[in-house]
Amino acid sequence: MSLADRLRQLIKQSGLTQREFSEQAGLSSGYLGTFFTRAKDDPTAAMNADTLSAIATTYGVSQEWLTSGAGAPNASPNDGDSRWRNLPGWTAAVRAAKERAPSLPNAVFDELGETRGLWAPNPMTVDWLLDQARVALRSETLTKRVADAVLDAQRKELAEAVAKSQAEAAANESKLEVLALVPHGRTKPKRKRTKP
C-alpha cells in the first residue's frame, strides 16, 4: 500500500471531504489533489516530513505507518488515557462537527471528550460524533451542565457589555464636566458701535 493509498484510507475513515481533510491538517485545499495526481504517475511519491507530521498529529495516526506503512496505523494515547479526546481524529472530528452544527454548544464536545471506556470508531468520524452529541444533549445531567456552561458564557458576555457601557458612561460624564466649565453664549463682550 502506497502513501497515497494510506491517505485515501484515512480520508475515508475521517468522514471528511478531501478539501476538509486538507484544511483541518493546515494544508492548502488543493494540496492533496496535486499529490494524488502526482502519485498516479509515481506510486512512490512522497511528502515532506512536516506535512506528514501535521497529518499524523491532526488525525491521530502513527507517522511511521503514514510514511512507510510499518507498524500500527493508530497512534496510542501517550499516557494510556482512554478518554475520547485522546482517540485518533478527535480534534479534527470536533472541528468539522462544530462547522456542520454550529448550534451545538462547545460544552457538549468538552463533556464528550471526557467520556471513558465506551466504544468509539478509530479514528473518530464526524457523523458518529454529531450523533453522540445529539444523544448527549438528551441526557439530563449533560443538559444541565451544558445549560450551566451556556449561562456562564452569557453572564460573562453581559458582564463585559456592562463594563464597556460603564466605561463609556464615565467617559461621557467627564466630557460633560469639561463642557460645564466652558461658559455658554458669547465669550467676548459686545463692541459698542460708535456713531461717526
Protein backbone atom coordinates (compact mmCIF):
# COMPACT_ATOMS: atom_id res chain seq x y z
CA MET A 1 0.00 0.00 0.00
CA SER A 2 1.44 3.37 -1.04
CA LEU A 3 1.36 6.65 0.86
CA ALA A 4 -1.45 7.81 -1.45
CA ASP A 5 -3.47 4.68 -0.59
CA ARG A 6 -2.95 5.20 3.14
CA LEU A 7 -4.03 8.84 2.80
CA ARG A 8 -7.15 7.86 0.86
CA GLN A 9 -7.98 5.32 3.58
CA LEU A 10 -7.51 7.95 6.28
CA ILE A 11 -9.70 10.48 4.41
CA LYS A 12 -12.45 7.89 4.03
CA GLN A 13 -12.30 6.94 7.72
CA SER A 14 -12.43 10.58 8.80
CA GLY A 15 -15.75 11.15 7.04
CA LEU A 16 -14.42 14.42 5.61
CA THR A 17 -14.07 15.55 2.03
CA GLN A 18 -10.55 15.73 0.63
CA ARG A 19 -10.69 19.53 0.92
CA GLU A 20 -11.93 19.47 4.56
CA PHE A 21 -9.27 16.88 5.39
CA SER A 22 -6.53 19.12 3.94
CA GLU A 23 -7.77 22.25 5.69
CA GLN A 24 -8.10 20.51 9.08
CA ALA A 25 -4.45 19.50 8.81
CA GLY A 26 -3.45 23.06 7.92
CA LEU A 27 -2.73 22.32 4.26
CA SER A 28 -3.99 24.29 1.27
CA SER A 29 -7.26 22.95 -0.11
CA GLY A 30 -5.66 21.71 -3.34
CA TYR A 31 -2.52 20.18 -1.82
CA LEU A 32 -3.77 16.61 -1.60
CA GLY A 33 -5.34 16.76 -5.08
CA THR A 34 -1.98 17.75 -6.50
CA PHE A 35 -0.27 14.98 -4.51
CA PHE A 36 -2.76 12.32 -5.69
CA THR A 37 -2.28 13.41 -9.32
CA ARG A 38 1.49 13.12 -8.90
CA ALA A 39 1.09 9.73 -7.18
CA LYS A 40 -0.81 8.30 -10.19
CA ASP A 41 2.34 8.74 -12.30
CA ASP A 42 4.75 7.86 -9.49
CA PRO A 43 3.40 5.43 -6.85
CA THR A 44 6.49 6.14 -4.74
CA ALA A 45 5.63 9.87 -4.48
CA ALA A 46 6.36 11.25 -1.04
CA MET A 47 5.58 14.30 1.09
CA ASN A 48 7.90 16.31 3.27
CA ALA A 49 8.23 15.35 6.93
CA ASP A 50 6.45 18.48 8.24
CA THR A 51 3.36 17.77 6.15
CA LEU A 52 3.28 14.13 7.22
CA SER A 53 3.71 15.18 10.85
CA ALA A 54 0.80 17.66 10.58
CA ILE A 55 -1.48 14.99 9.12
CA ALA A 56 -0.41 12.36 11.66
CA THR A 57 -0.91 14.73 14.59
CA THR A 58 -4.27 16.08 13.40
CA TYR A 59 -5.74 12.65 12.70
CA GLY A 60 -4.03 10.71 15.48
CA VAL A 61 -2.20 8.21 13.34
CA SER A 62 1.33 6.95 13.62
CA GLN A 63 3.72 8.94 11.45
CA GLU A 64 5.71 5.75 10.88
CA TRP A 65 2.61 4.00 9.50
CA LEU A 66 1.67 7.01 7.38
CA THR A 67 5.18 7.29 5.92
CA SER A 68 6.07 3.64 5.35
CA GLY A 69 3.07 1.51 6.21
CA ALA A 70 5.03 -0.15 9.00
CA GLY A 71 3.62 -0.58 12.48
CA ALA A 72 0.11 0.10 13.71
CA PRO A 73 -1.88 2.81 11.93
CA ASN A 74 -3.27 4.35 15.08
CA ALA A 75 -1.07 6.22 17.48
CA SER A 76 -1.75 5.18 21.03
CA PRO A 77 -2.52 7.86 23.62
CA ASN A 78 0.63 9.00 25.41
CA ASP A 79 -0.49 8.22 28.94
CA GLY A 80 -2.78 5.25 28.38
CA ASP A 81 -5.72 7.59 28.95
CA SER A 82 -8.87 6.15 27.39
CA ARG A 83 -10.82 9.41 27.12
CA TRP A 84 -12.35 10.01 23.71
CA ARG A 85 -10.44 13.28 23.31
CA ASN A 86 -7.26 11.17 23.12
CA LEU A 87 -8.53 8.97 20.29
CA PRO A 88 -7.20 9.42 16.77
CA GLY A 89 -9.08 12.04 14.82
CA TRP A 90 -10.87 13.60 17.83
CA THR A 91 -9.63 17.15 17.22
CA ALA A 92 -10.41 17.10 13.51
CA ALA A 93 -13.82 15.49 14.08
CA VAL A 94 -14.76 18.12 16.68
CA ARG A 95 -13.71 20.98 14.38
CA ALA A 96 -15.71 19.53 11.49
CA ALA A 97 -18.72 18.79 13.74
CA LYS A 98 -18.72 22.39 15.02
CA GLU A 99 -18.70 23.63 11.43
CA ARG A 100 -21.57 21.35 10.45
CA ALA A 101 -23.64 22.02 13.58
CA PRO A 102 -22.63 25.41 14.99
CA SER A 103 -25.70 25.48 17.25
CA LEU A 104 -24.26 22.67 19.41
CA PRO A 105 -22.56 24.29 22.42
CA ASN A 106 -18.83 23.71 22.97
CA ALA A 107 -19.67 22.26 26.39
CA VAL A 108 -21.18 19.20 24.68
CA PHE A 109 -17.88 18.39 22.99
CA ASP A 110 -15.94 19.15 26.17
CA GLU A 111 -18.10 16.69 28.09
CA LEU A 112 -17.91 14.04 25.37
CA GLY A 113 -14.13 14.40 25.32
CA GLU A 114 -14.05 13.32 28.96
CA THR A 115 -16.06 10.12 28.25
CA ARG A 116 -14.08 6.97 29.03
CA GLY A 117 -14.14 3.31 28.21
CA LEU A 118 -17.01 3.27 25.73
CA TRP A 119 -16.73 2.14 22.15
CA ALA A 120 -15.78 4.78 19.63
CA PRO A 121 -14.67 4.48 16.00
CA ASN A 122 -10.98 4.68 15.44
CA PRO A 123 -10.26 7.23 14.04
CA MET A 124 -13.20 9.35 15.15
CA THR A 125 -15.73 10.22 12.44
CA VAL A 126 -17.74 13.43 12.20
CA ASP A 127 -21.14 11.77 11.70
CA TRP A 128 -20.65 9.47 14.68
CA LEU A 129 -19.54 12.40 16.85
CA LEU A 130 -22.57 14.50 15.87
CA ASP A 131 -24.87 11.58 16.73
CA GLN A 132 -23.20 11.24 20.13
CA ALA A 133 -23.51 14.98 20.76
CA ARG A 134 -27.23 14.90 20.00
CA VAL A 135 -27.75 11.88 22.24
CA ALA A 136 -25.74 13.55 25.00
CA LEU A 137 -27.91 16.65 24.83
CA ARG A 138 -30.89 14.47 25.71
CA SER A 139 -29.08 13.31 28.85
CA GLU A 140 -30.44 15.17 31.87
CA THR A 141 -27.05 15.54 33.53
CA LEU A 142 -25.29 16.79 30.44
CA THR A 143 -28.18 19.07 29.56
CA LYS A 144 -27.83 20.75 32.97
CA ARG A 145 -24.05 21.08 32.55
CA VAL A 146 -24.46 22.49 29.05
CA ALA A 147 -27.14 24.90 30.25
CA ASP A 148 -24.83 25.99 33.07
CA ALA A 149 -21.95 26.47 30.62
CA VAL A 150 -24.15 28.48 28.26
CA LEU A 151 -25.41 30.61 31.16
CA ASP A 152 -21.85 31.19 32.34
CA ALA A 153 -20.88 32.31 28.83
CA GLN A 154 -23.90 34.61 28.67
CA ARG A 155 -23.10 36.04 32.12
CA LYS A 156 -19.55 36.71 31.01
CA GLU A 157 -20.79 38.45 27.84
CA LEU A 158 -23.24 40.50 29.89
CA ALA A 159 -20.56 41.48 32.41
CA GLU A 160 -18.28 42.58 29.56
CA ALA A 161 -21.10 44.61 28.00
CA VAL A 162 -21.89 46.26 31.36
CA ALA A 163 -18.23 47.09 31.95
CA LYS A 164 -17.97 48.59 28.46
CA SER A 165 -21.16 50.58 29.00
CA GLN A 166 -19.91 51.87 32.37
CA ALA A 167 -16.60 52.90 30.81
CA GLU A 168 -18.45 54.76 28.04
CA ALA A 169 -20.72 56.43 30.61
CA ALA A 170 -17.71 57.53 32.66
CA ALA A 171 -16.06 58.94 29.53
CA ASN A 172 -19.25 60.79 28.60
CA GLU A 173 -19.60 62.13 32.15
CA SER A 174 -16.09 63.55 32.08
CA LYS A 175 -16.87 65.21 28.73
CA LEU A 176 -19.97 66.76 30.28
CA GLU A 177 -17.92 68.09 33.20
CA VAL A 178 -15.50 69.71 30.78
CA LEU A 179 -18.40 71.23 28.85
CA ALA A 180 -19.87 72.59 32.10
CA LEU A 181 -16.69 74.56 32.70
CA VAL A 182 -16.89 76.29 29.32
CA PRO A 183 -19.06 79.45 29.54
CA HIS A 184 -22.19 79.35 27.48
CA GLY A 185 -23.02 82.03 24.96
CA ARG A 186 -20.59 84.67 23.85
CA THR A 187 -17.24 84.76 25.44
CA LYS A 188 -16.25 88.21 24.11
CA PRO A 189 -18.05 91.40 25.19
CA LYS A 190 -20.11 93.18 22.57
CA ARG A 191 -18.43 96.10 20.92
CA LYS A 192 -20.26 99.30 21.10
CA ARG A 193 -20.81 100.99 17.86
CA THR A 194 -19.69 104.48 17.69
CA LYS A 195 -21.54 106.95 15.55
CA PRO A 196 -19.42 108.89 13.09
